[in-house]
C-alpha atoms as a PDB file:
ATOM      1  CA  MET A   1       0.064   0.009   0.007  1.00  0.00           C
ATOM      2  CA  ALA A   2       1.494   3.307  -1.191  1.00  0.00           C
ATOM      3  CA  PHE A   3       0.602   6.839   0.096  1.00  0.00           C
ATOM      4  CA  GLY A   4       0.651   9.939  -2.100  1.00  0.00           C
ATOM      5  CA  ALA A   5       2.172  13.287  -0.891  1.00  0.00           C
ATOM      6  CA  GLU A   6      -1.116  14.837   0.213  1.00  0.00           C
ATOM      7  CA  GLU A   7      -1.958  11.626   2.155  1.00  0.00           C
ATOM      8  CA  LEU A   8       1.546  11.536   3.835  1.00  0.00           C
ATOM      9  CA  ARG A   9       0.932  15.242   4.976  1.00  0.00           C
ATOM     10  CA  VAL A  10      -2.378  14.328   6.540  1.00  0.00           C
ATOM     11  CA  LEU A  11      -0.867  11.330   8.223  1.00  0.00           C
ATOM     12  CA  ARG A  12       1.840  13.483   9.633  1.00  0.00           C
ATOM     13  CA  ARG A  13      -0.638  15.892  11.024  1.00  0.00           C
ATOM     14  CA  ALA A  14      -2.639  12.984  12.456  1.00  0.00           C
ATOM     15  CA  LEU A  15       0.429  11.620  14.198  1.00  0.00           C
ATOM     16  CA  ALA A  16       1.309  15.015  15.705  1.00  0.00           C
ATOM     17  CA  LEU A  17      -2.138  15.338  17.013  1.00  0.00           C
ATOM     18  CA  ALA A  18      -1.789  11.904  18.677  1.00  0.00           C
ATOM     19  CA  LEU A  19       1.562  12.690  20.210  1.00  0.00           C
ATOM     20  CA  HIS A  20       0.832  16.237  21.225  1.00  0.00           C
ATOM     21  CA  PRO A  21      -2.906  16.487  21.940  1.00  0.00           C
ATOM     22  CA  ARG A  22      -4.289  19.900  21.175  1.00  0.00           C
ATOM     23  CA  PRO A  23      -7.455  21.216  19.724  1.00  0.00           C
ATOM     24  CA  ALA A  24      -7.843  20.068  16.070  1.00  0.00           C
ATOM     25  CA  SER A  25      -9.179  22.378  13.408  1.00  0.00           C
ATOM     26  CA  ALA A  26     -12.308  21.476  11.272  1.00  0.00           C
ATOM     27  CA  GLU A  27      -9.899  21.092   8.225  1.00  0.00           C
ATOM     28  CA  ASP A  28      -7.692  18.644  10.170  1.00  0.00           C
ATOM     29  CA  VAL A  29     -10.618  16.537  11.300  1.00  0.00           C
ATOM     30  CA  GLN A  30     -12.057  16.455   7.651  1.00  0.00           C
ATOM     31  CA  ASP A  31      -8.713  15.414   6.275  1.00  0.00           C
ATOM     32  CA  CYS A  32      -8.278  12.586   8.834  1.00  0.00           C
ATOM     33  CA  LEU A  33     -11.643  11.250   8.228  1.00  0.00           C
ATOM     34  CA  ARG A  34     -11.006  11.206   4.225  1.00  0.00           C
ATOM     35  CA  LEU A  35      -7.664   9.441   4.902  1.00  0.00           C
ATOM     36  CA  ALA A  36      -9.395   6.885   7.126  1.00  0.00           C
ATOM     37  CA  GLU A  37     -11.997   6.155   4.469  1.00  0.00           C
ATOM     38  CA  SER A  38      -9.332   5.818   1.712  1.00  0.00           C
ATOM     39  CA  LEU A  39      -7.466   3.200   3.880  1.00  0.00           C
ATOM     40  CA  ASP A  40     -10.542   1.233   4.470  1.00  0.00           C
ATOM     41  CA  GLU A  41     -11.210   1.127   0.779  1.00  0.00           C
ATOM     42  CA  ALA A  42      -7.802   0.198  -0.040  1.00  0.00           C
ATOM     43  CA  MET A  43      -7.997  -2.623   2.497  1.00  0.00           C
ATOM     44  CA  HIS A  44     -11.319  -3.921   1.031  1.00  0.00           C
ATOM     45  CA  GLU A  45      -9.780  -3.736  -2.496  1.00  0.00           C
ATOM     46  CA  GLY A  46      -6.849  -5.741  -1.247  1.00  0.00           C
ATOM     47  CA  ALA A  47      -9.057  -8.382   0.159  1.00  0.00           C
ATOM     48  CA  ARG A  48     -11.034  -8.694  -3.076  1.00  0.00           C
ATOM     49  CA  LEU A  49      -7.865  -9.012  -5.082  1.00  0.00           C
ATOM     50  CA  ARG A  50      -6.522 -11.757  -2.892  1.00  0.00           C
ATOM     51  CA  ALA A  51      -9.781 -13.694  -3.220  1.00  0.00           C
ATOM     52  CA  PHE A  52      -9.715 -13.530  -6.871  1.00  0.00           C
ATOM     53  CA  LEU A  53      -5.971 -14.447  -6.914  1.00  0.00           C
ATOM     54  CA  VAL A  54      -6.748 -17.428  -4.714  1.00  0.00           C
ATOM     55  CA  ALA A  55      -9.640 -18.554  -6.766  1.00  0.00           C
ATOM     56  CA  ASP A  56      -7.442 -18.518  -9.929  1.00  0.00           C
ATOM     57  CA  LEU A  57      -4.627 -20.274  -8.192  1.00  0.00           C
ATOM     58  CA  GLY A  58      -6.892 -23.057  -7.254  1.00  0.00           C
ATOM     59  CA  ARG A  59      -8.073 -23.512 -10.846  1.00  0.00           C
ATOM     60  CA  TYR A  60      -4.488 -23.447 -12.135  1.00  0.00           C
ATOM     61  CA  ARG A  61      -3.337 -25.899  -9.497  1.00  0.00           C
ATOM     62  CA  ALA A  62      -5.889 -28.412 -10.389  1.00  0.00           C
ATOM     63  CA  ALA A  63      -4.965 -28.106 -14.023  1.00  0.00           C
ATOM     64  CA  LEU A  64      -1.278 -29.026 -13.397  1.00  0.00           C
ATOM     65  CA  PRO A  65       1.158 -29.849 -14.979  1.00  0.00           C
ATOM     66  CA  GLY A  66      -0.143 -28.338 -18.159  1.00  0.00           C
ATOM     67  CA  THR A  67      -0.581 -24.896 -16.488  1.00  0.00           C
ATOM     68  CA  ALA A  68       2.780 -24.784 -14.610  1.00  0.00           C
ATOM     69  CA  ALA A  69       3.733 -21.451 -16.084  1.00  0.00           C
ATOM     70  CA  GLY A  70       0.590 -19.721 -15.200  1.00  0.00           C
ATOM     71  CA  TYR A  71       0.366 -21.204 -11.756  1.00  0.00           C
ATOM     72  CA  LEU A  72       3.961 -20.215 -10.804  1.00  0.00           C
ATOM     73  CA  THR A  73       3.015 -16.596 -11.924  1.00  0.00           C
ATOM     74  CA  LEU A  74      -0.117 -16.514 -10.135  1.00  0.00           C
ATOM     75  CA  LEU A  75       1.592 -18.082  -6.861  1.00  0.00           C
ATOM     76  CA  GLU A  76       3.996 -15.150  -6.924  1.00  0.00           C
ATOM     77  CA  GLU A  77       1.278 -12.474  -7.119  1.00  0.00           C
ATOM     78  CA  ALA A  78      -0.854 -14.084  -4.380  1.00  0.00           C
ATOM     79  CA  LEU A  79       2.289 -14.251  -2.181  1.00  0.00           C
ATOM     80  CA  ALA A  80       3.009 -10.636  -2.601  1.00  0.00           C
ATOM     81  CA  ALA A  81      -0.748  -9.755  -1.795  1.00  0.00           C
ATOM     82  CA  GLY A  82      -0.416 -11.553   1.533  1.00  0.00           C
ATOM     83  CA  TYR A  83      -1.356 -15.156   0.573  1.00  0.00           C
ATOM     84  CA  ARG A  84      -0.058 -17.846   2.688  1.00  0.00           C
ATOM     85  CA  PRO A  85       0.881 -21.120   0.997  1.00  0.00           C
ATOM     86  CA  GLN A  86      -1.305 -24.138   1.630  1.00  0.00           C
ATOM     87  CA  PRO A  87      -0.271 -27.806   1.730  1.00  0.00           C
ATOM     88  CA  ASP A  88      -1.539 -28.318  -1.714  1.00  0.00           C
ATOM     89  CA  ASP A  89       0.710 -25.478  -2.851  1.00  0.00           C
ATOM     90  CA  LEU A  90       3.731 -27.237  -1.241  1.00  0.00           C
ATOM     91  CA  ALA A  91       2.818 -30.477  -2.887  1.00  0.00           C
ATOM     92  CA  ALA A  92       2.564 -28.927  -6.289  1.00  0.00           C
ATOM     93  CA  LEU A  93       5.902 -27.132  -6.002  1.00  0.00           C
ATOM     94  CA  ARG A  94       7.613 -30.359  -4.944  1.00  0.00           C
ATOM     95  CA  ALA A  95       6.242 -31.974  -8.172  1.00  0.00           C
ATOM     96  CA  LEU A  96       7.555 -29.090 -10.253  1.00  0.00           C
ATOM     97  CA  ARG A  97      10.913 -28.698  -8.444  1.00  0.00           C
ATOM     98  CA  ALA A  98      12.741 -29.351 -11.703  1.00  0.00           C
ATOM     99  CA  ASN A  99      11.723 -25.878 -12.720  1.00  0.00           C
ATOM    100  CA  PRO A 100      14.143 -23.266 -11.326  1.00  0.00           C
ATOM    101  CA  VAL A 101      11.237 -20.836 -10.602  1.00  0.00           C
ATOM    102  CA  ALA A 102       9.284 -23.608  -8.763  1.00  0.00           C
ATOM    103  CA  ALA A 103      12.424 -24.498  -6.715  1.00  0.00           C
ATOM    104  CA  LEU A 104      12.765 -20.901  -5.610  1.00  0.00           C
ATOM    105  CA  LEU A 105       9.133 -20.696  -4.829  1.00  0.00           C
ATOM    106  CA  LEU A 106       9.314 -23.987  -2.850  1.00  0.00           C
ATOM    107  CA  ASP A 107      12.068 -22.643  -0.611  1.00  0.00           C
ATOM    108  CA  ARG A 108      10.082 -19.419   0.002  1.00  0.00           C
ATOM    109  CA  CYS A 109       6.805 -21.114   0.718  1.00  0.00           C
ATOM    110  CA  GLN A 110       8.549 -23.735   3.120  1.00  0.00           C
ATOM    111  CA  VAL A 111       9.819 -20.769   5.126  1.00  0.00           C
ATOM    112  CA  LEU A 112       6.346 -19.296   5.321  1.00  0.00           C
ATOM    113  CA  ALA A 113       4.789 -22.533   6.351  1.00  0.00           C
ATOM    114  CA  GLU A 114       7.273 -22.943   9.183  1.00  0.00           C
ATOM    115  CA  GLN A 115       6.504 -19.591  10.461  1.00  0.00           C
ATOM    116  CA  ASP A 116       2.755 -20.388  10.349  1.00  0.00           C
ATOM    117  CA  VAL A 117       3.327 -23.653  12.304  1.00  0.00           C
ATOM    118  CA  ARG A 118       5.328 -21.850  15.028  1.00  0.00           C
ATOM    119  CA  ALA A 119       2.784 -19.098  15.293  1.00  0.00           C
ATOM    120  CA  ARG A 120      -0.003 -21.618  15.715  1.00  0.00           C
ATOM    121  CA  LEU A 121       2.118 -23.647  18.468  1.00  0.00           C
ATOM    122  CA  ALA A 122       2.796 -20.265  20.201  1.00  0.00           C
ATOM    123  CA  ARG A 123      -0.880 -19.448  20.410  1.00  0.00           C
ATOM    124  CA  GLY A 124      -1.808 -22.855  21.564  1.00  0.00           C
ATOM    125  CA  THR A 125       0.741 -22.742  24.297  1.00  0.00           C
ATOM    126  CA  ALA A 126      -0.624 -19.307  25.498  1.00  0.00           C
ATOM    127  CA  ARG A 127      -4.121 -20.462  25.376  1.00  0.00           C
ATOM    128  CA  THR A 128      -3.611 -23.601  27.396  1.00  0.00           C
ATOM    129  CA  ALA A 129      -1.196 -22.017  30.042  1.00  0.00           C
ATOM    130  CA  PRO A 130      -2.763 -22.028  33.500  1.00  0.00           C
ATOM    131  CA  ALA A 131      -3.831 -18.402  34.513  1.00  0.00           C
ATOM    132  CA  ALA A 132      -2.355 -17.125  37.758  1.00  0.00           C
ATOM    133  CA  VAL A 133      -4.335 -17.755  40.749  1.00  0.00           C
ATOM    134  CA  PRO A 134      -4.903 -14.678  43.004  1.00  0.00           C
ATOM    135  CA  ALA A 135      -3.461 -15.053  46.398  1.00  0.00           C
ATOM    136  CA  SER A 136      -6.783 -14.677  48.030  1.00  0.00           C
ATOM    137  CA  ARG A 137      -8.069 -17.800  46.189  1.00  0.00           C
ATOM    138  CA  THR A 138      -5.350 -19.973  47.244  1.00  0.00           C
ATOM    139  CA  ARG A 139      -6.113 -22.822  49.645  1.00  0.00           C
ATOM    140  CA  LEU A 140      -3.868 -23.217  52.661  1.00  0.00           C
ATOM    141  CA  THR A 141      -3.166 -26.811  53.641  1.00  0.00           C
ATOM    142  CA  ALA A 142      -1.787 -27.812  56.970  1.00  0.00           C
ATOM    143  CA  LEU A 143       1.499 -29.647  56.654  1.00  0.00           C
ATOM    144  CA  PRO A 144       2.449 -32.332  59.205  1.00  0.00           C
ATOM    145  CA  GLY A 145       4.798 -31.464  62.009  1.00  0.00           C
ATOM    146  CA  GLY A 146       3.852 -27.804  62.211  1.00  0.00           C
ATOM    147  CA  LEU A 147       2.484 -26.103  65.326  1.00  0.00           C
ATOM    148  CA  SER A 148      -0.699 -27.997  65.295  1.00  0.00           C
ATOM    149  CA  ALA A 149       1.312 -31.188  65.895  1.00  0.00           C
ATOM    150  CA  HIS A 150       2.626 -29.856  69.355  1.00  0.00           C
ATOM    151  CA  ALA A 151      -0.566 -28.154  70.407  1.00  0.00           C
ATOM    152  CA  ASP A 152      -2.837 -29.691  73.009  1.00  0.00           C
ATOM    153  CA  PRO A 153      -5.748 -31.641  71.278  1.00  0.00           C
ATOM    154  CA  ARG A 154      -8.028 -30.726  74.024  1.00  0.00           C
ATOM    155  CA  THR A 155      -7.549 -26.910  73.642  1.00  0.00           C
ATOM    156  CA  ALA A 156      -6.714 -26.716  69.897  1.00  0.00           C
ATOM    157  CA  ALA A 157      -9.622 -25.359  67.910  1.00  0.00           C
ATOM    158  CA  PRO A 158     -10.404 -26.888  64.484  1.00  0.00           C
ATOM    159  CA  VAL A 159      -9.257 -24.746  61.588  1.00  0.00           C
ATOM    160  CA  ALA A 160     -11.886 -24.371  58.847  1.00  0.00           C
ATOM    161  CA  ASP A 161     -10.849 -25.103  55.250  1.00  0.00           C
ATOM    162  CA  ALA A 162     -10.390 -21.960  53.130  1.00  0.00           C
ATOM    163  CA  GLY A 163     -12.325 -23.496  50.286  1.00  0.00           C
ATOM    164  CA  GLN A 164     -15.169 -24.881  52.465  1.00  0.00           C
ATOM    165  CA  ASP A 165     -18.599 -23.220  52.699  1.00  0.00           C
ATOM    166  CA  PRO A 166     -18.993 -21.947  56.156  1.00  0.00           C
ATOM    167  CA  ALA A 167     -22.739 -22.352  56.212  1.00  0.00           C
ATOM    168  CA  ARG A 168     -22.198 -26.168  55.287  1.00  0.00           C
ATOM    169  CA  LYS A 169     -22.047 -28.320  58.411  1.00  0.00           C
ATOM    170  CA  PRO A 170     -19.026 -30.487  58.717  1.00  0.00           C
ATOM    171  CA  GLU A 171     -19.654 -34.232  58.194  1.00  0.00           C
ATOM    172  CA  LYS A 172     -19.875 -36.353  61.157  1.00  0.00           C
ATOM    173  CA  LYS A 173     -17.089 -38.698  61.601  1.00  0.00           C
ATOM    174  CA  PRO A 174     -17.884 -42.346  62.939  1.00  0.00           C
ATOM    175  CA  ALA A 175     -17.236 -42.479  66.816  1.00  0.00           C
ATOM    176  CA  GLN A 176     -13.981 -44.321  67.430  1.00  0.00           C
ATOM    177  CA  LYS A 177     -14.004 -46.944  70.054  1.00  0.00           C
ATOM    178  CA  PRO A 178     -12.134 -46.156  73.190  1.00  0.00           C
ATOM    179  CA  ALA A 179      -8.914 -48.020  73.734  1.00  0.00           C
ATOM    180  CA  PRO A 180      -9.187 -50.762  76.626  1.00  0.00           C
ATOM    181  CA  LYS A 181      -8.029 -49.415  79.976  1.00  0.00           C
ATOM    182  CA  PRO A 182      -5.109 -51.335  81.478  1.00  0.00           C
ATOM    183  CA  THR A 183      -5.760 -53.489  84.356  1.00  0.00           C
ATOM    184  CA  PRO A 184      -4.699 -51.715  87.523  1.00  0.00           C
ATOM    185  CA  ALA A 185      -1.764 -53.368  89.304  1.00  0.00           C
ATOM    186  CA  ALA A 186      -2.267 -54.841  92.750  1.00  0.00           C
ATOM    187  CA  PRO A 187      -1.461 -52.243  95.442  1.00  0.00           C
ATOM    188  CA  LYS A 188       1.884 -52.962  97.357  1.00  0.00           C
ATOM    189  CA  PRO A 189       1.229 -53.938 101.012  1.00  0.00           C
ATOM    190  CA  THR A 190       2.115 -51.412 103.562  1.00  0.00           C
ATOM    191  CA  ARG A 191       3.179 -54.219 106.159  1.00  0.00           C
ATOM    192  CA  PRO A 192       5.598 -56.913 105.332  1.00  0.00           C
ATOM    193  CA  ILE A 193       3.876 -60.326 104.804  1.00  0.00           C
ATOM    194  CA  PRO A 194       4.886 -62.777 107.691  1.00  0.00           C
ATOM    195  CA  THR A 195       6.775 -65.957 106.671  1.00  0.00           C
ATOM    196  CA  PRO A 196       5.321 -69.378 107.600  1.00  0.00           C
ATOM    197  CA  GLY A 197       8.098 -69.741 110.250  1.00  0.00           C
ATOM    198  CA  GLU A 198       6.799 -66.618 112.085  1.00  0.00           C
ATOM    199  CA  VAL A 199       3.113 -67.501 111.814  1.00  0.00           C
ATOM    200  CA  PHE A 200       3.825 -71.140 113.084  1.00  0.00           C
ATOM    201  CA  PRO A 201       6.854 -71.147 115.431  1.00  0.00           C
ATOM    202  CA  ARG A 202       8.463 -74.319 116.204  1.00  0.00           C
ATOM    203  CA  ARG A 203       7.612 -76.031 119.408  1.00  0.00           C
ATOM    204  CA  LYS A 204      10.438 -76.645 121.909  1.00  0.00           C
ATOM    205  CA  PRO A 205      10.975 -80.370 122.312  1.00  0.00           C
ATOM    206  CA  THR A 206       9.789 -81.837 125.665  1.00  0.00           C
ATOM    207  CA  PRO A 207      12.703 -83.135 127.803  1.00  0.00           C
ATOM    208  CA  PRO A 208      12.574 -87.006 128.352  1.00  0.00           C
ATOM    209  CA  PRO A 209      11.778 -88.182 131.912  1.00  0.00           C
ATOM    210  CA  PRO A 210      14.803 -89.059 134.189  1.00  0.00           C
ATOM    211  CA  ALA A 211      15.846 -92.854 134.192  1.00  0.00           C
ATOM    212  CA  ASN A 212      15.880 -93.224 138.062  1.00  0.00           C
ATOM    213  CA  PRO A 213      13.242 -91.034 139.428  1.00  0.00           C
ATOM    214  CA  PRO A 214      13.913 -89.782 142.949  1.00  0.00           C
ATOM    215  CA  HIS A 215      12.217 -91.664 145.791  1.00  0.00           C
ATOM    216  CA  GLN A 216       9.358 -89.658 147.032  1.00  0.00           C
ATOM    217  CA  LEU A 217       9.403 -88.938 150.854  1.00  0.00           C
ATOM    218  CA  THR A 218       6.303 -89.927 152.558  1.00  0.00           C
ATOM    219  CA  ALA A 219       5.385 -88.358 155.793  1.00  0.00           C
ATOM    220  CA  VAL A 220       4.643 -91.096 158.527  1.00  0.00           C
END
């Protein structure tokens, strides 16, 4: 797209107004509007030209190889008008690579096709990248071994989950069976337990009677 001298002067005034805002005169406004209309018309004409070129290019490509000269000429014009080569164009150029013009166009179209593939991959990567989560929406998860591990379970208050609805009642967990209490040990006696020898002491042996008992004196 080429600009004439008058169009370049209008474009320069429009850029000056954009960089240094000031009240624009009615003449400047009218010139900018005419320039915008001219640009829109040129873009529409360019789109129509590309549409005609693409249609003719498809007809010439379908009639290959007899229309090789006309196809290569149309392909060059379409590329100059902003046309991006399609897989059918690459296949046709590979079949015509013996032609020097076709070989040059094949190299050019392969570079453009690689650029298009990289652009599509970059857009797909940017589309599938996870969005940054605001800090206010992150969920805090308690890690084992923190302050709660050393806190007294009888006085520690339960911490509500950040993503849990406060109006929703927590689910009741099944009651756990209490652990069996250990059997209390027998109390130690405060007094020592007597031995059998102390409870049943040995009896002293009875002395045997004398062999010659003394004569008893009888009073007469």
